PDB file of N, CA and C in Angstrom:
ATOM      1  N   MET A   1       0.840  -1.173   0.000  1.00  0.00           N
ATOM      2  CA  MET A   1       0.000   0.000   0.000  1.00  0.00           C
ATOM      3  C   MET A   1       0.891   1.244   0.000  1.00  0.00           C
ATOM      4  N   ALA A   2       0.468   2.237  -0.724  1.00  0.00           N
ATOM      5  CA  ALA A   2       1.263   3.457  -0.848  1.00  0.00           C
ATOM      6  C   ALA A   2       1.178   4.278   0.438  1.00  0.00           C
ATOM      7  N   LYS A   3       2.273   4.953   0.740  1.00  0.00           N
ATOM      8  CA  LYS A   3       2.281   5.816   1.921  1.00  0.00           C
ATOM      9  C   LYS A   3       1.665   7.153   1.571  1.00  0.00           C
ATOM     10  N   TRP A   4       0.872   7.638   2.475  1.00  0.00           N
ATOM     11  CA  TRP A   4       0.220   8.931   2.270  1.00  0.00           C
ATOM     12  C   TRP A   4       1.036  10.026   2.911  1.00  0.00           C
ATOM     13  N   GLY A   5       1.161  11.121   2.191  1.00  0.00           N
ATOM     14  CA  GLY A   5       1.857  12.277   2.734  1.00  0.00           C
ATOM     15  C   GLY A   5       0.855  13.308   3.211  1.00  0.00           C
ATOM     16  N   ALA A   6       1.360  14.463   3.552  1.00  0.00           N
ATOM     17  CA  ALA A   6       0.511  15.543   4.055  1.00  0.00           C
ATOM     18  C   ALA A   6      -0.486  16.007   2.996  1.00  0.00           C
ATOM     19  N   THR A   7      -0.056  16.003   1.740  1.00  0.00           N
ATOM     20  CA  THR A   7      -0.934  16.456   0.652  1.00  0.00           C
ATOM     21  C   THR A   7      -2.159  15.562   0.525  1.00  0.00           C
ATOM     22  N   GLU A   8      -1.952  14.254   0.576  1.00  0.00           N
ATOM     23  CA  GLU A   8      -3.074  13.325   0.450  1.00  0.00           C
ATOM     24  C   GLU A   8      -4.042  13.465   1.620  1.00  0.00           C
ATOM     25  N   TYR A   9      -3.520  13.615   2.819  1.00  0.00           N
ATOM     26  CA  TYR A   9      -4.397  13.788   3.981  1.00  0.00           C
ATOM     27  C   TYR A   9      -5.154  15.112   3.906  1.00  0.00           C
ATOM     28  N   PHE A  10      -4.479  16.155   3.445  1.00  0.00           N
ATOM     29  CA  PHE A  10      -5.157  17.442   3.275  1.00  0.00           C
ATOM     30  C   PHE A  10      -6.275  17.324   2.251  1.00  0.00           C
ATOM     31  N   LEU A  11      -6.005  16.679   1.114  1.00  0.00           N
ATOM     32  CA  LEU A  11      -7.031  16.516   0.087  1.00  0.00           C
ATOM     33  C   LEU A  11      -8.186  15.661   0.582  1.00  0.00           C
ATOM     34  N   LEU A  12      -7.899  14.648   1.371  1.00  0.00           N
ATOM     35  CA  LEU A  12      -8.960  13.815   1.948  1.00  0.00           C
ATOM     36  C   LEU A  12      -9.837  14.651   2.875  1.00  0.00           C
ATOM     37  N   ALA A  13      -9.226  15.427   3.748  1.00  0.00           N
ATOM     38  CA  ALA A  13      -9.988  16.287   4.658  1.00  0.00           C
ATOM     39  C   ALA A  13     -10.784  17.327   3.882  1.00  0.00           C
ATOM     40  N   PHE A  14     -10.174  17.903   2.862  1.00  0.00           N
ATOM     41  CA  PHE A  14     -10.861  18.898   2.040  1.00  0.00           C
ATOM     42  C   PHE A  14     -12.071  18.289   1.343  1.00  0.00           C
ATOM     43  N   ASN A  15     -11.911  17.100   0.775  1.00  0.00           N
ATOM     44  CA  ASN A  15     -13.017  16.430   0.088  1.00  0.00           C
ATOM     45  C   ASN A  15     -14.143  16.070   1.053  1.00  0.00           C
ATOM     46  N   ILE A  16     -13.804  15.634   2.234  1.00  0.00           N
ATOM     47  CA  ILE A  16     -14.830  15.314   3.230  1.00  0.00           C
ATOM     48  C   ILE A  16     -15.597  16.577   3.606  1.00  0.00           C
ATOM     49  N   CYS A  17     -14.896  17.677   3.817  1.00  0.00           N
ATOM     50  CA  CYS A  17     -15.561  18.948   4.137  1.00  0.00           C
ATOM     51  C   CYS A  17     -16.437  19.411   2.979  1.00  0.00           C
ATOM     52  N   ALA A  18     -15.958  19.281   1.764  1.00  0.00           N
ATOM     53  CA  ALA A  18     -16.729  19.707   0.593  1.00  0.00           C
ATOM     54  C   ALA A  18     -17.992  18.870   0.442  1.00  0.00           C
ATOM     55  N   ILE A  19     -17.888  17.570   0.642  1.00  0.00           N
ATOM     56  CA  ILE A  19     -19.064  16.700   0.550  1.00  0.00           C
ATOM     57  C   ILE A  19     -20.060  17.044   1.647  1.00  0.00           C
ATOM     58  N   TYR A  20     -19.585  17.300   2.859  1.00  0.00           N
ATOM     59  CA  TYR A  20     -20.465  17.659   3.968  1.00  0.00           C
ATOM     60  C   TYR A  20     -21.186  18.975   3.682  1.00  0.00           C
ATOM     61  N   LEU A  21     -20.461  19.972   3.202  1.00  0.00           N
ATOM     62  CA  LEU A  21     -21.085  21.263   2.891  1.00  0.00           C
ATOM     63  C   LEU A  21     -22.094  21.137   1.757  1.00  0.00           C
ATOM     64  N   ALA A  22     -21.787  20.341   0.749  1.00  0.00           N
ATOM     65  CA  ALA A  22     -22.730  20.126  -0.355  1.00  0.00           C
ATOM     66  C   ALA A  22     -23.990  19.431   0.157  1.00  0.00           C
ATOM     67  N   TYR A  23     -23.822  18.454   1.023  1.00  0.00           N
ATOM     68  CA  TYR A  23     -24.967  17.761   1.619  1.00  0.00           C
ATOM     69  C   TYR A  23     -25.843  18.724   2.407  1.00  0.00           C
ATOM     70  N   ARG A  24     -25.219  19.556   3.238  1.00  0.00           N
ATOM     71  CA  ARG A  24     -25.991  20.517   4.045  1.00  0.00           C
ATOM     72  C   ARG A  24     -26.724  21.508   3.152  1.00  0.00           C
ATOM     73  N   PHE A  25     -26.079  22.005   2.091  1.00  0.00           N
ATOM     74  CA  PHE A  25     -26.690  22.958   1.179  1.00  0.00           C
ATOM     75  C   PHE A  25     -27.891  22.337   0.475  1.00  0.00           C
ATOM     76  N   ILE A  26     -27.710  21.135  -0.065  1.00  0.00           N
ATOM     77  CA  ILE A  26     -28.802  20.465  -0.775  1.00  0.00           C
ATOM     78  C   ILE A  26     -29.936  20.146   0.183  1.00  0.00           C
ATOM     79  N   ASN A  27     -29.611  19.704   1.378  1.00  0.00           N
ATOM     80  CA  ASN A  27     -30.632  19.396   2.374  1.00  0.00           C
ATOM     81  C   ASN A  27     -31.425  20.648   2.741  1.00  0.00           C
ATOM     82  N   PHE A  28     -30.748  21.771   2.933  1.00  0.00           N
ATOM     83  CA  PHE A  28     -31.424  23.029   3.259  1.00  0.00           C
ATOM     84  C   PHE A  28     -32.324  23.468   2.118  1.00  0.00           C
ATOM     85  N   ARG A  29     -31.821  23.404   0.887  1.00  0.00           N
ATOM     86  CA  ARG A  29     -32.610  23.831  -0.275  1.00  0.00           C
ATOM     87  C   ARG A  29     -33.838  22.947  -0.454  1.00  0.00           C
ATOM     88  N   LEU A  30     -33.666  21.649  -0.302  1.00  0.00           N
ATOM     89  CA  LEU A  30     -34.784  20.726  -0.467  1.00  0.00           C
ATOM     90  C   LEU A  30     -35.836  20.959   0.607  1.00  0.00           C
ATOM     91  N   THR A  31     -35.418  21.135   1.842  1.00  0.00           N
ATOM     92  CA  THR A  31     -36.350  21.378   2.932  1.00  0.00           C
ATOM     93  C   THR A  31     -37.121  22.673   2.723  1.00  0.00           C
ATOM     94  N   SER A  32     -36.427  23.734   2.318  1.00  0.00           N
ATOM     95  CA  SER A  32     -37.108  25.012   2.112  1.00  0.00           C
ATOM     96  C   SER A  32     -38.074  24.937   0.932  1.00  0.00           C
ATOM     97  N   LYS A  33     -37.710  24.221  -0.123  1.00  0.00           N
ATOM     98  CA  LYS A  33     -38.610  24.080  -1.273  1.00  0.00           C
ATOM     99  C   LYS A  33     -39.843  23.266  -0.887  1.00  0.00           C
ATOM    100  N   LEU A  34     -39.667  22.219  -0.110  1.00  0.00           N
ATOM    101  CA  LEU A  34     -40.811  21.415   0.318  1.00  0.00           C
ATOM    102  C   LEU A  34     -41.758  22.229   1.193  1.00  0.00           C
ATOM    103  N   GLU A  35     -41.218  23.050   2.073  1.00  0.00           N
ATOM    104  CA  GLU A  35     -42.062  23.928   2.895  1.00  0.00           C
ATOM    105  C   GLU A  35     -42.812  24.923   2.013  1.00  0.00           C
ATOM    106  N   GLU A  36     -42.141  25.456   1.010  1.00  0.00           N
ATOM    107  CA  GLU A  36     -42.773  26.410   0.095  1.00  0.00           C
ATOM    108  C   GLU A  36     -43.936  25.758  -0.651  1.00  0.00           C
ATOM    109  N   VAL A  37     -43.722  24.558  -1.142  1.00  0.00           N
ATOM    110  CA  VAL A  37     -44.773  23.839  -1.861  1.00  0.00           C
ATOM    111  C   VAL A  37     -45.930  23.516  -0.924  1.00  0.00           C
ATOM    112  N   GLU A  38     -45.605  23.109   0.290  1.00  0.00           N
ATOM    113  CA  GLU A  38     -46.640  22.788   1.271  1.00  0.00           C
ATOM    114  C   GLU A  38     -47.501  24.014   1.579  1.00  0.00           C
ATOM    115  N   ASN A  39     -46.863  25.148   1.790  1.00  0.00           N
ATOM    116  CA  ASN A  39     -47.603  26.384   2.062  1.00  0.00           C
ATOM    117  C   ASN A  39     -48.464  26.780   0.862  1.00  0.00           C
ATOM    118  N   ARG A  40     -47.936  26.596  -0.326  1.00  0.00           N
ATOM    119  CA  ARG A  40     -48.692  26.912  -1.540  1.00  0.00           C
ATOM    120  C   ARG A  40     -49.920  26.013  -1.654  1.00  0.00           C
ATOM    121  N   GLN A  41     -49.785  24.736  -1.322  1.00  0.00           N
ATOM    122  CA  GLN A  41     -50.912  23.815  -1.376  1.00  0.00           C
ATOM    123  C   GLN A  41     -51.973  24.170  -0.329  1.00  0.00           C
ATOM    124  N   ILE A  42     -51.542  24.582   0.855  1.00  0.00           N
ATOM    125  CA  ILE A  42     -52.481  24.982   1.907  1.00  0.00           C
ATOM    126  C   ILE A  42     -53.269  26.205   1.465  1.00  0.00           C
ATOM    127  N   LYS A  43     -52.570  27.188   0.905  1.00  0.00           N
ATOM    128  CA  LYS A  43     -53.251  28.396   0.426  1.00  0.00           C
ATOM    129  C   LYS A  43     -54.219  28.070  -0.697  1.00  0.00           C
ATOM    130  N   SER A  44     -53.829  27.175  -1.591  1.00  0.00           N
ATOM    131  CA  SER A  44     -54.697  26.787  -2.698  1.00  0.00           C
ATOM    132  C   SER A  44     -55.949  26.081  -2.175  1.00  0.00           C
ATOM    133  N   ALA A  45     -55.778  25.208  -1.205  1.00  0.00           N
ATOM    134  CA  ALA A  45     -56.919  24.498  -0.630  1.00  0.00           C
ATOM    135  C   ALA A  45     -57.853  25.476   0.077  1.00  0.00           C
ATOM    136  N   GLN A  46     -57.292  26.471   0.764  1.00  0.00           N
ATOM    137  CA  GLN A  46     -58.120  27.473   1.432  1.00  0.00           C
ATOM    138  C   GLN A  46     -58.904  28.293   0.415  1.00  0.00           C
ATOM    139  N   ARG A  47     -58.248  28.652  -0.691  1.00  0.00           N
ATOM    140  CA  ARG A  47     -58.960  29.414  -1.732  1.00  0.00           C
ATOM    141  C   ARG A  47     -60.075  28.601  -2.347  1.00  0.00           C
ATOM    142  N   GLN A  48     -59.829  27.321  -2.588  1.00  0.00           N
ATOM    143  CA  GLN A  48     -60.861  26.469  -3.174  1.00  0.00           C
ATOM    144  C   GLN A  48     -62.031  26.293  -2.208  1.00  0.00           C
ATOM    145  N   LYS A  49     -61.725  26.157  -0.937  1.00  0.00           N
ATOM    146  CA  LYS A  49     -62.769  26.009   0.065  1.00  0.00           C
ATOM    147  C   LYS A  49     -63.610  27.283   0.147  1.00  0.00           C
ATOM    148  N   LYS A  50     -62.934  28.420   0.053  1.00  0.00           N
ATOM    149  CA  LYS A  50     -63.606  29.716   0.122  1.00  0.00           C
ATOM    150  C   LYS A  50     -64.541  29.908  -1.083  1.00  0.00           C
ATOM    151  N   THR A  51     -64.089  29.517  -2.274  1.00  0.00           N
ATOM    152  CA  THR A  51     -64.935  29.690  -3.470  1.00  0.00           C
ATOM    153  C   THR A  51     -66.102  28.709  -3.462  1.00  0.00           C
ATOM    154  N   LYS A  52     -65.960  27.542  -2.859  1.00  0.00           N
ATOM    155  CA  LYS A  52     -67.068  26.601  -2.767  1.00  0.00           C
ATOM    156  C   LYS A  52     -68.157  27.114  -1.824  1.00  0.00           C
ATOM    157  N   LEU A  53     -67.737  27.813  -0.778  1.00  0.00           N
ATOM    158  CA  LEU A  53     -68.700  28.315   0.185  1.00  0.00           C
ATOM    159  C   LEU A  53     -69.523  29.477  -0.372  1.00  0.00           C
ATOM    160  N   GLU A  54     -68.991  30.176  -1.350  1.00  0.00           N
ATOM    161  CA  GLU A  54     -69.695  31.342  -1.893  1.00  0.00           C
ATOM    162  C   GLU A  54     -70.722  30.970  -2.888  1.00  0.00           C
TER     163      GLU A  54
END
């Protein structure tokens, strides 16, 4: 097995940090989009209910 130097360990740590940050970003974006869609559906259902009552 090849010996790892400081450069390889730095790149490994950098890649792990980059993957973690990408995961957090995608998770945040997905969660916020799902909340947005959910709120839009609630508002749409309220509008439909309101027009049925009239």
